[in-house]
């Protein structure tokens, strides 16, 4: 059974930081990339970042470059998203995702037909 366990969301003031984690199990994701999409209230889901399990290459949406850092944990198929200098427009539900073509999906905001989704963790940036 495939499982995605996300954690780390919460309420933070503008300029603050949060670290999200996504632990996956139950499926061989060696040829996949794992990462994050987010969805703000009333808006479509958009790509945030991902990291390839094959070569460790990373991809970021322009809106988060220089502020967010994605990395792999010591445990296999665990991914972290360090979010610094958070802004109110970063508010939304953050969904862990896995797909063989996730880098292209992240930069083009292609969320339809994603192979695997987590249930999401909410992030609220507000004073």
C-alpha atoms as a PDB file:
ATOM      1  CA  UNK A   1       0.000   0.000   0.000  1.00  0.00           C
ATOM      2  CA  UNK A   2       1.397   3.365  -1.021  1.00  0.00           C
ATOM      3  CA  UNK A   3       1.571   5.888   1.785  1.00  0.00           C
ATOM      4  CA  UNK A   4       2.470   9.575   1.853  1.00  0.00           C
ATOM      5  CA  UNK A   5       2.892  11.075   5.329  1.00  0.00           C
ATOM      6  CA  UNK A   6       3.200  14.852   5.292  1.00  0.00           C
ATOM      7  CA  UNK A   7       3.955  17.042   8.272  1.00  0.00           C
ATOM      8  CA  UNK A   8       5.305  20.438   9.258  1.00  0.00           C
ATOM      9  CA  UNK A   9       2.558  22.813   8.232  1.00  0.00           C
ATOM     10  CA  UNK A  10       1.183  25.485  10.525  1.00  0.00           C
ATOM     11  CA  UNK A  11       0.730  29.196  11.195  1.00  0.00           C
ATOM     12  CA  UNK A  12       3.714  31.507  10.828  1.00  0.00           C
ATOM     13  CA  UNK A  13       4.233  35.249  10.587  1.00  0.00           C
ATOM     14  CA  UNK A  14       5.513  36.872   7.402  1.00  0.00           C
ATOM     15  CA  UNK A  15       9.263  36.505   7.201  1.00  0.00           C
ATOM     16  CA  UNK A  16       9.187  33.313   9.251  1.00  0.00           C
ATOM     17  CA  UNK A  17      10.172  29.761   8.362  1.00  0.00           C
ATOM     18  CA  UNK A  18       8.641  26.298   8.251  1.00  0.00           C
ATOM     19  CA  UNK A  19       9.952  22.901   7.217  1.00  0.00           C
ATOM     20  CA  UNK A  20       7.652  20.411   5.551  1.00  0.00           C
ATOM     21  CA  UNK A  21       8.423  16.730   5.337  1.00  0.00           C
ATOM     22  CA  UNK A  22       7.035  13.970   3.175  1.00  0.00           C
ATOM     23  CA  UNK A  23       7.737  10.330   3.913  1.00  0.00           C
ATOM     24  CA  UNK A  24       6.652   7.816   1.291  1.00  0.00           C
ATOM     25  CA  UNK A  25       6.464   4.050   1.467  1.00  0.00           C
ATOM     26  CA  UNK A  26       4.960   1.050  -0.229  1.00  0.00           C
ATOM     27  CA  UNK A  27       6.199   1.709  -3.751  1.00  0.00           C
ATOM     28  CA  UNK A  28       9.536   1.781  -5.539  1.00  0.00           C
ATOM     29  CA  UNK A  29      10.081   5.437  -6.383  1.00  0.00           C
ATOM     30  CA  UNK A  30      13.671   5.127  -7.619  1.00  0.00           C
ATOM     31  CA  UNK A  31      12.746   6.452 -11.057  1.00  0.00           C
ATOM     32  CA  UNK A  32      10.500   9.206  -9.761  1.00  0.00           C
ATOM     33  CA  UNK A  33      10.816  12.733  -8.547  1.00  0.00           C
ATOM     34  CA  UNK A  34       9.142  13.712  -5.275  1.00  0.00           C
ATOM     35  CA  UNK A  35       8.048  17.209  -4.452  1.00  0.00           C
ATOM     36  CA  UNK A  36       5.319  19.670  -3.602  1.00  0.00           C
ATOM     37  CA  UNK A  37       2.372  21.434  -5.117  1.00  0.00           C
ATOM     38  CA  UNK A  38       0.236  23.941  -3.242  1.00  0.00           C
ATOM     39  CA  UNK A  39      -3.284  25.265  -3.504  1.00  0.00           C
ATOM     40  CA  UNK A  40      -4.426  28.603  -2.137  1.00  0.00           C
ATOM     41  CA  UNK A  41      -8.111  29.185  -1.376  1.00  0.00           C
ATOM     42  CA  UNK A  42     -10.038  29.818  -4.568  1.00  0.00           C
ATOM     43  CA  UNK A  43      -7.038  29.127  -6.809  1.00  0.00           C
ATOM     44  CA  UNK A  44      -5.776  26.220  -8.851  1.00  0.00           C
ATOM     45  CA  UNK A  45      -3.067  23.924  -7.606  1.00  0.00           C
ATOM     46  CA  UNK A  46       0.425  25.074  -8.574  1.00  0.00           C
ATOM     47  CA  UNK A  47       3.869  23.552  -8.609  1.00  0.00           C
ATOM     48  CA  UNK A  48       6.363  24.508  -5.917  1.00  0.00           C
ATOM     49  CA  UNK A  49       9.441  22.293  -6.053  1.00  0.00           C
ATOM     50  CA  UNK A  50      10.700  18.749  -6.569  1.00  0.00           C
ATOM     51  CA  UNK A  51      13.825  16.613  -6.357  1.00  0.00           C
ATOM     52  CA  UNK A  52      14.768  13.656  -8.516  1.00  0.00           C
ATOM     53  CA  UNK A  53      15.437  10.297  -6.893  1.00  0.00           C
ATOM     54  CA  UNK A  54      17.596   9.362  -9.895  1.00  0.00           C
ATOM     55  CA  UNK A  55      20.157  12.152  -9.864  1.00  0.00           C
ATOM     56  CA  UNK A  56      19.192  14.547  -7.060  1.00  0.00           C
ATOM     57  CA  UNK A  57      18.487  17.428  -9.419  1.00  0.00           C
ATOM     58  CA  UNK A  58      16.088  20.052  -8.072  1.00  0.00           C
ATOM     59  CA  UNK A  59      13.376  22.187  -9.643  1.00  0.00           C
ATOM     60  CA  UNK A  60      11.709  25.304  -8.238  1.00  0.00           C
ATOM     61  CA  UNK A  61       8.847  27.535  -9.254  1.00  0.00           C
ATOM     62  CA  UNK A  62       9.996  31.109  -9.903  1.00  0.00           C
ATOM     63  CA  UNK A  63       7.841  32.358  -7.029  1.00  0.00           C
ATOM     64  CA  UNK A  64       9.859  30.414  -4.436  1.00  0.00           C
ATOM     65  CA  UNK A  65      13.402  30.493  -5.847  1.00  0.00           C
ATOM     66  CA  UNK A  66      15.878  31.789  -3.312  1.00  0.00           C
ATOM     67  CA  UNK A  67      13.459  31.245  -0.423  1.00  0.00           C
ATOM     68  CA  UNK A  68      12.608  27.526  -0.484  1.00  0.00           C
ATOM     69  CA  UNK A  69      15.061  24.624  -0.443  1.00  0.00           C
ATOM     70  CA  UNK A  70      14.146  21.017  -1.169  1.00  0.00           C
ATOM     71  CA  UNK A  71      16.312  18.139   0.007  1.00  0.00           C
ATOM     72  CA  UNK A  72      16.292  14.390   0.568  1.00  0.00           C
ATOM     73  CA  UNK A  73      16.482  12.923   4.028  1.00  0.00           C
ATOM     74  CA  UNK A  74      18.659  10.068   5.182  1.00  0.00           C
ATOM     75  CA  UNK A  75      15.672   7.737   5.084  1.00  0.00           C
ATOM     76  CA  UNK A  76      14.873   6.608   1.593  1.00  0.00           C
ATOM     77  CA  UNK A  77      11.981   8.407  -0.057  1.00  0.00           C
ATOM     78  CA  UNK A  78      11.795  11.162   2.545  1.00  0.00           C
ATOM     79  CA  UNK A  79      11.823  14.705   1.235  1.00  0.00           C
ATOM     80  CA  UNK A  80      12.024  18.011   3.085  1.00  0.00           C
ATOM     81  CA  UNK A  81      10.968  21.488   1.969  1.00  0.00           C
ATOM     82  CA  UNK A  82      12.628  24.263   3.950  1.00  0.00           C
ATOM     83  CA  UNK A  83      10.586  27.432   3.508  1.00  0.00           C
ATOM     84  CA  UNK A  84      12.228  30.702   4.572  1.00  0.00           C
ATOM     85  CA  UNK A  85      11.137  34.340   4.311  1.00  0.00           C
ATOM     86  CA  UNK A  86       7.540  33.233   3.999  1.00  0.00           C
ATOM     87  CA  UNK A  87       5.016  35.620   2.495  1.00  0.00           C
ATOM     88  CA  UNK A  88       1.223  35.768   2.830  1.00  0.00           C
ATOM     89  CA  UNK A  89       0.946  34.592  -0.770  1.00  0.00           C
ATOM     90  CA  UNK A  90       2.621  31.327   0.271  1.00  0.00           C
ATOM     91  CA  UNK A  91      -0.524  30.439   2.212  1.00  0.00           C
ATOM     92  CA  UNK A  92      -2.269  27.273   1.073  1.00  0.00           C
ATOM     93  CA  UNK A  93      -2.452  23.520   1.419  1.00  0.00           C
ATOM     94  CA  UNK A  94       0.836  21.902   0.438  1.00  0.00           C
ATOM     95  CA  UNK A  95       0.564  18.498  -1.218  1.00  0.00           C
ATOM     96  CA  UNK A  96       3.370  16.022  -1.549  1.00  0.00           C
ATOM     97  CA  UNK A  97       3.478  14.456  -5.004  1.00  0.00           C
ATOM     98  CA  UNK A  98       5.441  11.844  -6.908  1.00  0.00           C
ATOM     99  CA  UNK A  99       5.596  11.451 -10.664  1.00  0.00           C
ATOM    100  CA  UNK A 100       8.156  10.383 -13.231  1.00  0.00           C
ATOM    101  CA  UNK A 101       7.736  13.745 -14.990  1.00  0.00           C
ATOM    102  CA  UNK A 102       7.375  15.936 -11.911  1.00  0.00           C
ATOM    103  CA  UNK A 103      10.009  18.549 -12.854  1.00  0.00           C
ATOM    104  CA  UNK A 104       8.087  19.451 -16.006  1.00  0.00           C
ATOM    105  CA  UNK A 105       4.823  19.406 -14.060  1.00  0.00           C
ATOM    106  CA  UNK A 106       6.205  21.772 -11.428  1.00  0.00           C
ATOM    107  CA  UNK A 107       7.359  24.443 -13.874  1.00  0.00           C
ATOM    108  CA  UNK A 108       4.205  24.169 -15.989  1.00  0.00           C
ATOM    109  CA  UNK A 109       1.716  23.735 -13.094  1.00  0.00           C
ATOM    110  CA  UNK A 110       0.430  20.480 -14.567  1.00  0.00           C
ATOM    111  CA  UNK A 111      -1.381  18.779 -11.728  1.00  0.00           C
ATOM    112  CA  UNK A 112      -3.907  16.711 -13.715  1.00  0.00           C
ATOM    113  CA  UNK A 113      -3.044  13.043 -13.898  1.00  0.00           C
ATOM    114  CA  UNK A 114      -0.362  13.154 -11.195  1.00  0.00           C
ATOM    115  CA  UNK A 115       0.676   9.597 -10.372  1.00  0.00           C
ATOM    116  CA  UNK A 116       0.705   9.954  -6.587  1.00  0.00           C
ATOM    117  CA  UNK A 117      -0.617  12.576  -4.146  1.00  0.00           C
ATOM    118  CA  UNK A 118      -0.423  13.026  -0.402  1.00  0.00           C
ATOM    119  CA  UNK A 119      -3.359  14.352   1.579  1.00  0.00           C
ATOM    120  CA  UNK A 120      -1.811  17.775   2.153  1.00  0.00           C
ATOM    121  CA  UNK A 121      -0.682  19.903   5.074  1.00  0.00           C
ATOM    122  CA  UNK A 122      -1.912  23.493   5.583  1.00  0.00           C
ATOM    123  CA  UNK A 123       0.404  26.481   5.720  1.00  0.00           C
ATOM    124  CA  UNK A 124      -0.855  29.894   6.799  1.00  0.00           C
ATOM    125  CA  UNK A 125       1.345  32.972   6.643  1.00  0.00           C
ATOM    126  CA  UNK A 126      -0.296  35.813   8.493  1.00  0.00           C
ATOM    127  CA  UNK A 127       0.424  38.446  11.092  1.00  0.00           C
END
